[in-house]
Amino acid sequence: MKRKFQEAISVFNQLQVHQASFDDFLLPLYHQFKAYGYFCLGKHKEAIIEYQCLDYQTKDQISCFNQHLCEGIVEAERKHYEEGINFFRKAKDVFPNKVEPYIYTAVTFVREINDLIRHQPYSHELEQKRQAAVLRAMDEMNSGNLINDANSNLLYHRAILCYYFRDFKRGLDDINRCIEKAEDNIPKYFFLRGLGYACTRDPGKAISEFSICVSL
C-alpha cells in the first residue's frame, strides 16, 4: 500500500460488496487499512468514518492515534480551533513520542490567530495576541524537535516560524536539514530555502533554489 494509496482505496471499494462475508479477523483489517489510506490521501472525514467502524476491542493504538489526528484536523478546518487542539492532545496521550500532534497543534495556533486578524481591525492588542500565538506555535515545534530532530515536516514548518521572527540563519539551518532528511524532493522545500537565501541577500543561491523548485 506504500505510496499507492489511491490504488489501494480503489481495491478496498471493489471489496466493499463482499464485506458481509468478512470474518471477525478480516473486517477490522479492512476498515483499519482503508482508513489509513484515506488518512494518507488527506481525506480525513472519510478516514474518520472508517475508524468509527472499529470497536474498542479491535482498534489498535495507531488507529486511535490517527483517528484523533483526523478529528483534530477536521475540527480545525471547521475553525473549531480549541476542539481541534483537544484532539491533538488526545493523540499525544496515545503516543507521547510522536511529533505529528505537535506539528498540527502549532499550525492550528497560527491558523487561529490569522483567522482572527482577517476579521478584526488592526490593534496593538491584536498584534500582541499574534506574537503570543506564534510563540506558542514555536514552543510546540521545539517540543516536537526534542522528540525527533530529523522529521522533515516539522523542520519545514519550524523554518517558516524562524523566518517570521527574522531568524533566517536558524530557518536556513532547519530547511537544509529538512531537505537532507526528506524522502522526496518537495518543491515547497526548495522554494522556502530560496526565500531564506533571498532574505540573507544571496541572490545567486536564491535563484538556484527557485529554479530547482520550478523544475520539480
Protein backbone atom coordinates (compact mmCIF):
# COMPACT_ATOMS: atom_id res chain seq x y z
CA MET A 1 0.00 0.00 0.00
CA LYS A 2 3.01 2.30 0.41
CA ARG A 3 2.82 5.30 -1.99
CA LYS A 4 -0.13 3.74 -3.83
CA PHE A 5 -2.88 4.91 -1.55
CA GLN A 6 -5.39 5.83 -4.26
CA GLU A 7 -4.96 2.43 -5.93
CA ALA A 8 -5.42 0.75 -2.54
CA ILE A 9 -8.63 2.68 -1.86
CA SER A 10 -9.95 1.64 -5.28
CA VAL A 11 -9.31 -2.00 -4.39
CA PHE A 12 -11.00 -1.58 -1.00
CA ASN A 13 -14.03 -0.05 -2.71
CA GLN A 14 -14.23 -3.07 -5.01
CA LEU A 15 -14.11 -5.34 -1.97
CA GLN A 16 -16.88 -3.37 -0.24
CA VAL A 17 -19.62 -5.52 -1.77
CA HIS A 18 -18.07 -8.54 -0.04
CA GLN A 19 -17.98 -7.01 3.44
CA ALA A 20 -20.82 -9.20 4.68
CA SER A 21 -18.68 -12.29 4.07
CA PHE A 22 -15.66 -10.97 6.02
CA ASP A 23 -14.98 -12.80 9.27
CA ASP A 24 -14.09 -11.17 12.60
CA PHE A 25 -10.44 -11.14 11.63
CA LEU A 26 -10.72 -9.60 8.15
CA LEU A 27 -13.40 -6.96 8.77
CA PRO A 28 -11.38 -4.85 11.25
CA LEU A 29 -8.34 -5.03 8.95
CA TYR A 30 -10.48 -3.85 6.04
CA HIS A 31 -11.63 -0.73 7.91
CA GLN A 32 -8.22 -0.12 9.51
CA PHE A 33 -6.23 -0.11 6.27
CA LYS A 34 -8.91 1.71 4.30
CA ALA A 35 -8.94 4.42 6.97
CA TYR A 36 -5.16 4.69 6.80
CA GLY A 37 -5.31 5.05 3.02
CA TYR A 38 -7.80 7.89 3.32
CA PHE A 39 -5.66 9.50 6.03
CA CYS A 40 -2.58 9.46 3.80
CA LEU A 41 -4.60 10.95 0.93
CA GLY A 42 -5.71 13.81 3.19
CA LYS A 43 -9.35 12.63 3.13
CA HIS A 44 -9.76 12.96 6.86
CA LYS A 45 -13.57 12.87 7.04
CA GLU A 46 -13.65 9.59 5.11
CA ALA A 47 -10.90 8.20 7.35
CA ILE A 48 -12.91 9.04 10.47
CA ILE A 49 -15.91 7.13 9.12
CA GLU A 50 -13.76 4.03 8.63
CA TYR A 51 -12.11 4.36 12.05
CA GLN A 52 -15.56 4.64 13.66
CA CYS A 53 -16.41 1.23 12.21
CA LEU A 54 -13.80 -0.28 14.54
CA ASP A 55 -14.98 -1.11 18.03
CA TYR A 56 -12.87 -0.66 21.15
CA GLN A 57 -11.56 -4.22 21.14
CA THR A 58 -10.43 -4.21 17.50
CA LYS A 59 -8.98 -0.68 17.37
CA ASP A 60 -5.24 -0.70 17.91
CA GLN A 61 -3.23 2.24 19.26
CA ILE A 62 -2.09 3.53 15.89
CA SER A 63 -5.69 3.61 14.69
CA CYS A 64 -6.71 5.58 17.79
CA PHE A 65 -3.79 7.94 17.23
CA ASN A 66 -4.60 8.53 13.56
CA GLN A 67 -8.30 8.95 14.29
CA HIS A 68 -7.57 11.70 16.84
CA LEU A 69 -5.31 13.44 14.30
CA CYS A 70 -8.06 13.27 11.67
CA GLU A 71 -10.65 14.58 14.12
CA GLY A 72 -8.36 17.43 15.12
CA ILE A 73 -7.65 18.39 11.51
CA VAL A 74 -11.35 18.34 10.60
CA GLU A 75 -12.28 20.49 13.60
CA ALA A 76 -9.51 22.98 12.79
CA GLU A 77 -10.73 23.18 9.18
CA ARG A 78 -14.17 23.99 10.55
CA LYS A 79 -12.50 26.78 12.57
CA HIS A 80 -13.26 24.92 15.80
CA TYR A 81 -9.69 25.50 16.88
CA GLU A 82 -9.90 24.60 20.57
CA GLU A 83 -11.72 21.36 19.78
CA GLY A 84 -9.04 20.53 17.24
CA ILE A 85 -6.25 21.16 19.73
CA ASN A 86 -8.02 18.93 22.26
CA PHE A 87 -7.99 16.06 19.75
CA PHE A 88 -4.27 16.61 19.15
CA ARG A 89 -3.76 16.39 22.94
CA LYS A 90 -5.56 13.04 22.89
CA ALA A 91 -3.20 11.89 20.15
CA LYS A 92 -0.23 12.92 22.33
CA ASP A 93 -1.67 10.83 25.16
CA VAL A 94 -1.76 7.76 22.90
CA PHE A 95 1.79 8.18 21.57
CA PRO A 96 3.75 10.81 23.55
CA ASN A 97 6.85 10.23 21.41
CA LYS A 98 5.34 11.05 18.02
CA VAL A 99 5.85 14.53 16.59
CA GLU A 100 2.73 14.85 14.40
CA PRO A 101 0.43 16.21 17.15
CA TYR A 102 2.99 18.91 17.92
CA ILE A 103 3.13 19.99 14.27
CA TYR A 104 -0.66 20.08 13.90
CA THR A 105 -1.07 21.95 17.19
CA ALA A 106 1.47 24.57 16.13
CA VAL A 107 -0.16 25.04 12.73
CA THR A 108 -3.57 25.35 14.41
CA PHE A 109 -2.32 28.13 16.71
CA VAL A 110 -1.15 30.07 13.65
CA ARG A 111 -4.32 29.41 11.66
CA GLU A 112 -6.47 30.57 14.56
CA ILE A 113 -4.69 33.90 15.02
CA ASN A 114 -4.56 34.52 11.25
CA ASP A 115 -8.30 33.92 11.05
CA LEU A 116 -8.82 36.40 13.91
CA ILE A 117 -6.63 39.03 12.22
CA ARG A 118 -8.57 38.76 8.96
CA HIS A 119 -11.83 39.60 10.70
CA GLN A 120 -10.73 42.36 13.06
CA PRO A 121 -9.18 45.80 12.53
CA TYR A 122 -5.52 46.08 13.43
CA SER A 123 -4.75 46.99 17.04
CA HIS A 124 -1.82 46.76 19.42
CA GLU A 125 -3.72 44.16 21.44
CA LEU A 126 -4.27 42.04 18.34
CA GLU A 127 -0.58 42.25 17.47
CA GLN A 128 0.29 41.04 20.98
CA LYS A 129 -2.09 38.10 20.50
CA ARG A 130 -0.36 37.25 17.24
CA GLN A 131 3.06 37.30 18.85
CA ALA A 132 1.79 35.09 21.68
CA ALA A 133 0.22 32.62 19.24
CA VAL A 134 3.38 32.34 17.14
CA LEU A 135 5.47 31.84 20.29
CA ARG A 136 3.13 29.05 21.39
CA ALA A 137 3.49 27.51 17.95
CA MET A 138 7.27 27.70 18.20
CA ASP A 139 7.17 26.07 21.64
CA GLU A 140 5.20 23.17 20.13
CA MET A 141 7.70 22.83 17.30
CA ASN A 142 10.63 22.88 19.70
CA SER A 143 8.97 20.24 21.89
CA GLY A 144 8.41 18.06 18.85
CA ASN A 145 12.01 18.56 17.75
CA LEU A 146 13.22 17.24 21.11
CA ILE A 147 11.36 14.02 20.32
CA ASN A 148 12.59 13.73 16.72
CA ASP A 149 15.08 16.21 15.32
CA ALA A 150 15.06 14.62 11.87
CA ASN A 151 11.39 15.00 10.91
CA SER A 152 11.38 16.93 7.65
CA ASN A 153 7.79 18.14 8.01
CA LEU A 154 8.50 19.61 11.44
CA LEU A 155 11.74 21.22 10.25
CA TYR A 156 9.91 22.79 7.30
CA HIS A 157 7.21 24.36 9.47
CA ARG A 158 9.70 25.50 12.11
CA ALA A 159 11.76 27.18 9.39
CA ILE A 160 8.69 29.21 8.43
CA LEU A 161 8.31 30.35 12.03
CA CYS A 162 12.00 31.25 12.16
CA TYR A 163 11.54 33.41 9.07
CA TYR A 164 8.62 35.14 10.80
CA PHE A 165 10.97 36.09 13.65
CA ARG A 166 13.58 37.13 11.02
CA ASP A 167 15.93 34.46 12.32
CA PHE A 168 16.96 33.49 8.81
CA LYS A 169 20.12 31.67 9.81
CA ARG A 170 18.23 29.26 12.04
CA GLY A 171 15.47 28.99 9.43
CA LEU A 172 18.00 28.05 6.76
CA ASP A 173 19.58 25.52 9.11
CA ASP A 174 16.17 23.91 9.56
CA ILE A 175 15.25 23.89 5.87
CA ASN A 176 18.67 22.49 4.95
CA ARG A 177 18.14 19.59 7.38
CA CYS A 178 14.58 19.24 6.13
CA ILE A 179 15.74 18.74 2.54
CA GLU A 180 18.52 16.42 3.70
CA LYS A 181 16.12 14.19 5.66
CA ALA A 182 13.18 14.25 3.22
CA GLU A 183 12.49 11.04 1.30
CA ASP A 184 11.47 13.00 -1.82
CA ASN A 185 12.37 16.31 -3.47
CA ILE A 186 9.44 18.53 -2.46
CA PRO A 187 9.15 21.80 -4.43
CA LYS A 188 7.97 23.90 -1.48
CA TYR A 189 11.10 22.95 0.49
CA PHE A 190 13.37 24.41 -2.18
CA PHE A 191 11.13 27.45 -2.53
CA LEU A 192 11.44 28.11 1.20
CA ARG A 193 15.20 27.72 1.06
CA GLY A 194 15.27 30.16 -1.84
CA LEU A 195 13.33 32.68 0.23
CA GLY A 196 15.86 32.28 3.03
CA TYR A 197 18.75 32.99 0.67
CA ALA A 198 16.89 35.97 -0.79
CA CYS A 199 16.31 37.39 2.69
CA THR A 200 20.01 36.97 3.53
CA ARG A 201 20.98 38.77 0.31
CA ASP A 202 22.35 35.78 -1.54
CA PRO A 203 20.50 36.15 -4.88
CA GLY A 204 22.60 33.59 -6.75
CA LYS A 205 21.68 30.78 -4.37
CA ALA A 206 18.08 32.04 -4.20
CA ILE A 207 17.67 31.84 -7.99
CA SER A 208 19.23 28.37 -8.00
CA GLU A 209 16.72 27.15 -5.39
CA PHE A 210 13.76 28.71 -7.24
CA SER A 211 14.95 27.03 -10.45
CA ILE A 212 15.02 23.65 -8.71
CA CYS A 213 11.53 24.31 -7.37
CA VAL A 214 10.19 25.09 -10.87
CA SER A 215 11.86 22.01 -12.35
CA LEU A 216 10.35 19.53 -9.89
